[in-house]
C-alpha atoms as a PDB file:
ATOM      1  CA  MET A   1    -149.492  52.037  12.019  1.00  0.00           C
ATOM      2  CA  ILE A   2    -149.806  53.236  15.593  1.00  0.00           C
ATOM      3  CA  GLY A   3    -150.176  50.635  18.299  1.00  0.00           C
ATOM      4  CA  VAL A   4    -152.942  50.016  20.792  1.00  0.00           C
ATOM      5  CA  GLN A   5    -151.169  51.880  23.600  1.00  0.00           C
ATOM      6  CA  LEU A   6    -150.812  55.114  21.595  1.00  0.00           C
ATOM      7  CA  ALA A   7    -154.368  54.733  20.274  1.00  0.00           C
ATOM      8  CA  ARG A   8    -155.625  54.420  23.856  1.00  0.00           C
ATOM      9  CA  GLN A   9    -153.737  57.590  24.805  1.00  0.00           C
ATOM     10  CA  LEU A  10    -155.474  59.430  21.971  1.00  0.00           C
ATOM     11  CA  ARG A  11    -158.880  58.140  23.089  1.00  0.00           C
ATOM     12  CA  GLU A  12    -158.193  59.060  26.726  1.00  0.00           C
ATOM     13  CA  ALA A  13    -157.133  62.542  25.580  1.00  0.00           C
ATOM     14  CA  GLY A  14    -160.554  62.995  23.983  1.00  0.00           C
ATOM     15  CA  LEU A  15    -160.289  61.681  20.422  1.00  0.00           C
ATOM     16  CA  VAL A  16    -163.722  60.448  19.343  1.00  0.00           C
ATOM     17  CA  TRP A  17    -164.095  57.705  16.751  1.00  0.00           C
ATOM     18  CA  LYS A  18    -166.882  57.960  14.214  1.00  0.00           C
ATOM     19  CA  PRO A  19    -166.542  54.565  12.507  1.00  0.00           C
ATOM     20  CA  ALA A  20    -166.307  54.582   8.728  1.00  0.00           C
ATOM     21  CA  LEU A  21    -165.538  51.980   6.079  1.00  0.00           C
ATOM     22  CA  GLY A  22    -161.822  51.249   5.926  1.00  0.00           C
ATOM     23  CA  ASP A  23    -161.141  52.215   9.546  1.00  0.00           C
ATOM     24  CA  ARG A  24    -158.751  49.974  11.447  1.00  0.00           C
ATOM     25  CA  PHE A  25    -159.346  48.988  15.046  1.00  0.00           C
ATOM     26  CA  ALA A  26    -158.211  46.569  17.735  1.00  0.00           C
ATOM     27  CA  ILE A  27    -160.066  44.718  20.461  1.00  0.00           C
ATOM     28  CA  PRO A  28    -157.692  44.784  23.433  1.00  0.00           C
ATOM     29  CA  ASP A  29    -158.024  42.711  26.591  1.00  0.00           C
ATOM     30  CA  ARG A  30    -159.690  39.757  24.842  1.00  0.00           C
ATOM     31  CA  ASP A  31    -156.553  37.890  23.739  1.00  0.00           C
ATOM     32  CA  LEU A  32    -156.841  39.783  20.446  1.00  0.00           C
ATOM     33  CA  ASP A  33    -154.337  42.571  21.170  1.00  0.00           C
ATOM     34  CA  ASP A  34    -152.201  41.731  18.142  1.00  0.00           C
ATOM     35  CA  GLU A  35    -155.127  41.480  15.718  1.00  0.00           C
ATOM     36  CA  VAL A  36    -156.041  44.454  13.537  1.00  0.00           C
ATOM     37  CA  PHE A  37    -159.571  44.563  12.130  1.00  0.00           C
ATOM     38  CA  VAL A  38    -160.879  46.717   9.289  1.00  0.00           C
ATOM     39  CA  LEU A  39    -164.463  47.940   8.913  1.00  0.00           C
ATOM     40  CA  SER A  40    -165.899  46.689   5.652  1.00  0.00           C
ATOM     41  CA  ASN A  41    -169.376  46.563   4.209  1.00  0.00           C
ATOM     42  CA  MET A  42    -169.011  42.815   3.729  1.00  0.00           C
ATOM     43  CA  THR A  43    -167.468  41.291   6.850  1.00  0.00           C
ATOM     44  CA  ILE A  44    -167.234  43.819   9.688  1.00  0.00           C
ATOM     45  CA  GLU A  45    -169.948  46.463   9.968  1.00  0.00           C
ATOM     46  CA  VAL A  46    -171.250  48.971  12.511  1.00  0.00           C
ATOM     47  CA  HIS A  47    -174.842  48.265  13.602  1.00  0.00           C
ATOM     48  CA  THR A  48    -177.157  50.363  15.746  1.00  0.00           C
ATOM     49  CA  VAL A  49    -179.132  48.236  18.190  1.00  0.00           C
ATOM     50  CA  PRO A  50    -181.393  49.275  21.087  1.00  0.00           C
ATOM     51  CA  GLU A  51    -178.454  48.937  23.488  1.00  0.00           C
ATOM     52  CA  GLY A  52    -176.208  51.242  21.395  1.00  0.00           C
ATOM     53  CA  ARG A  53    -173.733  50.856  18.559  1.00  0.00           C
ATOM     54  CA  VAL A  54    -171.910  47.576  18.050  1.00  0.00           C
ATOM     55  CA  ILE A  55    -169.435  46.240  15.538  1.00  0.00           C
ATOM     56  CA  GLY A  56    -170.813  43.070  13.981  1.00  0.00           C
ATOM     57  CA  PHE A  57    -168.648  40.283  12.585  1.00  0.00           C
ATOM     58  CA  ASN A  58    -170.392  38.578   9.660  1.00  0.00           C
ATOM     59  CA  GLY A  59    -169.772  35.327   7.859  1.00  0.00           C
ATOM     60  CA  THR A  60    -166.568  33.391   8.327  1.00  0.00           C
ATOM     61  CA  THR A  61    -164.804  36.067  10.377  1.00  0.00           C
ATOM     62  CA  GLU A  62    -167.100  35.687  13.341  1.00  0.00           C
ATOM     63  CA  TRP A  63    -165.298  32.645  14.896  1.00  0.00           C
ATOM     64  CA  ALA A  64    -165.689  33.618  18.554  1.00  0.00           C
ATOM     65  CA  LEU A  65    -167.301  37.019  18.013  1.00  0.00           C
ATOM     66  CA  ASP A  66    -170.774  37.954  16.936  1.00  0.00           C
ATOM     67  CA  ASP A  67    -170.439  41.608  17.868  1.00  0.00           C
ATOM     68  CA  VAL A  68    -168.508  43.881  20.184  1.00  0.00           C
ATOM     69  CA  GLU A  69    -169.499  47.219  21.682  1.00  0.00           C
ATOM     70  CA  ILE A  70    -167.603  50.145  20.199  1.00  0.00           C
ATOM     71  CA  GLU A  71    -166.424  51.124  23.695  1.00  0.00           C
ATOM     72  CA  GLU A  72    -164.518  47.817  23.840  1.00  0.00           C
ATOM     73  CA  THR A  73    -162.535  48.666  20.721  1.00  0.00           C
ATOM     74  CA  VAL A  74    -159.661  51.036  20.062  1.00  0.00           C
ATOM     75  CA  TRP A  75    -159.492  52.974  16.798  1.00  0.00           C
ATOM     76  CA  LEU A  76    -156.135  52.789  15.030  1.00  0.00           C
ATOM     77  CA  PRO A  77    -156.250  55.883  12.804  1.00  0.00           C
ATOM     78  CA  ARG A  78    -154.288  55.845   9.567  1.00  0.00           C
ATOM     79  CA  GLU A  79    -151.688  58.444   8.595  1.00  0.00           C
ATOM     80  CA  ASP A  80    -154.161  60.371   6.424  1.00  0.00           C
ATOM     81  CA  GLN A  81    -156.757  60.421   9.218  1.00  0.00           C
ATOM     82  CA  LEU A  82    -154.242  61.694  11.775  1.00  0.00           C
ATOM     83  CA  ARG A  83    -153.088  64.431   9.380  1.00  0.00           C
ATOM     84  CA  GLU A  84    -156.710  65.435   8.716  1.00  0.00           C
ATOM     85  CA  LEU A  85    -157.390  65.624  12.472  1.00  0.00           C
ATOM     86  CA  LEU A  86    -154.540  68.144  12.814  1.00  0.00           C
ATOM     87  CA  GLY A  87    -156.596  70.405  10.553  1.00  0.00           C
ATOM     88  CA  GLY A  88    -155.302  73.899   9.898  1.00  0.00           C
ATOM     89  CA  THR A  89    -152.545  73.545  12.501  1.00  0.00           C
ATOM     90  CA  PHE A  90    -150.574  71.181  10.234  1.00  0.00           C
ATOM     91  CA  ARG A  91    -147.549  72.829   8.619  1.00  0.00           C
ATOM     92  CA  GLY A  92    -145.445  69.940   7.357  1.00  0.00           C
ATOM     93  CA  LEU A  93    -143.991  66.463   7.554  1.00  0.00           C
ATOM     94  CA  ARG A  94    -140.267  65.931   7.217  1.00  0.00           C
ATOM     95  CA  ARG A  95    -138.216  62.747   7.180  1.00  0.00           C
ATOM     96  CA  ASP A  96    -134.712  62.611   8.572  1.00  0.00           C
ATOM     97  CA  THR A  97    -132.270  59.889   9.599  1.00  0.00           C
ATOM     98  CA  ALA A  98    -133.947  59.445  13.008  1.00  0.00           C
ATOM     99  CA  GLY A  99    -137.491  59.118  11.664  1.00  0.00           C
ATOM    100  CA  PHE A 100    -140.208  61.672  10.986  1.00  0.00           C
ATOM    101  CA  GLU A 101    -140.999  65.155  12.239  1.00  0.00           C
ATOM    102  CA  VAL A 102    -144.400  66.848  12.088  1.00  0.00           C
ATOM    103  CA  THR A 103    -144.656  70.612  12.443  1.00  0.00           C
ATOM    104  CA  ILE A 104    -147.857  72.274  13.637  1.00  0.00           C
ATOM    105  CA  ALA A 105    -148.684  75.886  14.431  1.00  0.00           C
ATOM    106  CA  LEU A 106    -150.869  76.671  17.405  1.00  0.00           C
ATOM    107  CA  LEU A 107    -151.623  80.214  18.531  1.00  0.00           C
ATOM    108  CA  GLY A 108    -148.824  81.572  16.369  1.00  0.00           C
ATOM    109  CA  GLU A 109    -146.201  79.190  17.760  1.00  0.00           C
ATOM    110  CA  GLU A 110    -144.699  76.378  15.709  1.00  0.00           C
ATOM    111  CA  ARG A 111    -143.967  73.059  17.416  1.00  0.00           C
ATOM    112  CA  GLN A 112    -142.283  69.907  16.151  1.00  0.00           C
ATOM    113  CA  PHE A 113    -143.116  66.325  17.100  1.00  0.00           C
ATOM    114  CA  GLU A 114    -140.923  63.352  16.275  1.00  0.00           C
ATOM    115  CA  GLY A 115    -141.724  59.691  15.738  1.00  0.00           C
ATOM    116  CA  GLN A 116    -140.196  56.555  14.284  1.00  0.00           C
ATOM    117  CA  SER A 117    -142.997  56.618  11.688  1.00  0.00           C
ATOM    118  CA  ALA A 118    -145.107  59.373  10.188  1.00  0.00           C
ATOM    119  CA  GLU A 119    -148.133  58.000  12.073  1.00  0.00           C
ATOM    120  CA  HIS A 120    -146.312  58.246  15.406  1.00  0.00           C
ATOM    121  CA  ALA A 121    -145.231  61.832  14.723  1.00  0.00           C
ATOM    122  CA  TYR A 122    -148.769  62.805  13.692  1.00  0.00           C
ATOM    123  CA  ALA A 123    -150.207  61.076  16.783  1.00  0.00           C
ATOM    124  CA  SER A 124    -147.781  62.920  19.077  1.00  0.00           C
ATOM    125  CA  ALA A 125    -148.810  66.242  17.562  1.00  0.00           C
ATOM    126  CA  LEU A 126    -152.482  65.318  17.904  1.00  0.00           C
ATOM    127  CA  LEU A 127    -151.983  64.369  21.568  1.00  0.00           C
ATOM    128  CA  HIS A 128    -150.524  67.831  22.116  1.00  0.00           C
ATOM    129  CA  LEU A 129    -153.525  69.489  20.435  1.00  0.00           C
ATOM    130  CA  LEU A 130    -156.004  67.427  22.422  1.00  0.00           C
ATOM    131  CA  ALA A 131    -154.227  68.330  25.673  1.00  0.00           C
ATOM    132  CA  ALA A 132    -154.224  72.010  24.706  1.00  0.00           C
ATOM    133  CA  ALA A 133    -157.951  71.851  23.966  1.00  0.00           C
ATOM    134  CA  THR A 134    -158.734  70.538  27.444  1.00  0.00           C
ATOM    135  CA  ALA A 135    -156.319  72.814  29.311  1.00  0.00           C
END
């Protein structure tokens, strides 16, 4: 799983989260940095209210939270989500002794991105694509 810092880099680079069941997220800067939450149709749901979209905490999980604005959260995409976001640029994932390497092709040029986990390698490649899209 990628951490909050890398997830923030992805968001700042332009990655938009469209919350869906099973998505993982964190709520940084509220003494909850080490907690990972998962959207579920039972305990943590996305609600649309007049003020915008919020993530509501239902039942016994609500302890100190009733809801939190989506802008206050950071999406922690899973490996499959990161791979899907690479779309048609994705060429392969390879494991070696140092970790993982993702290969993408962009404008006819192949590039490799390394990470200690598959998620980190995918996220590095996605950061590159997001930067290229805004350049």
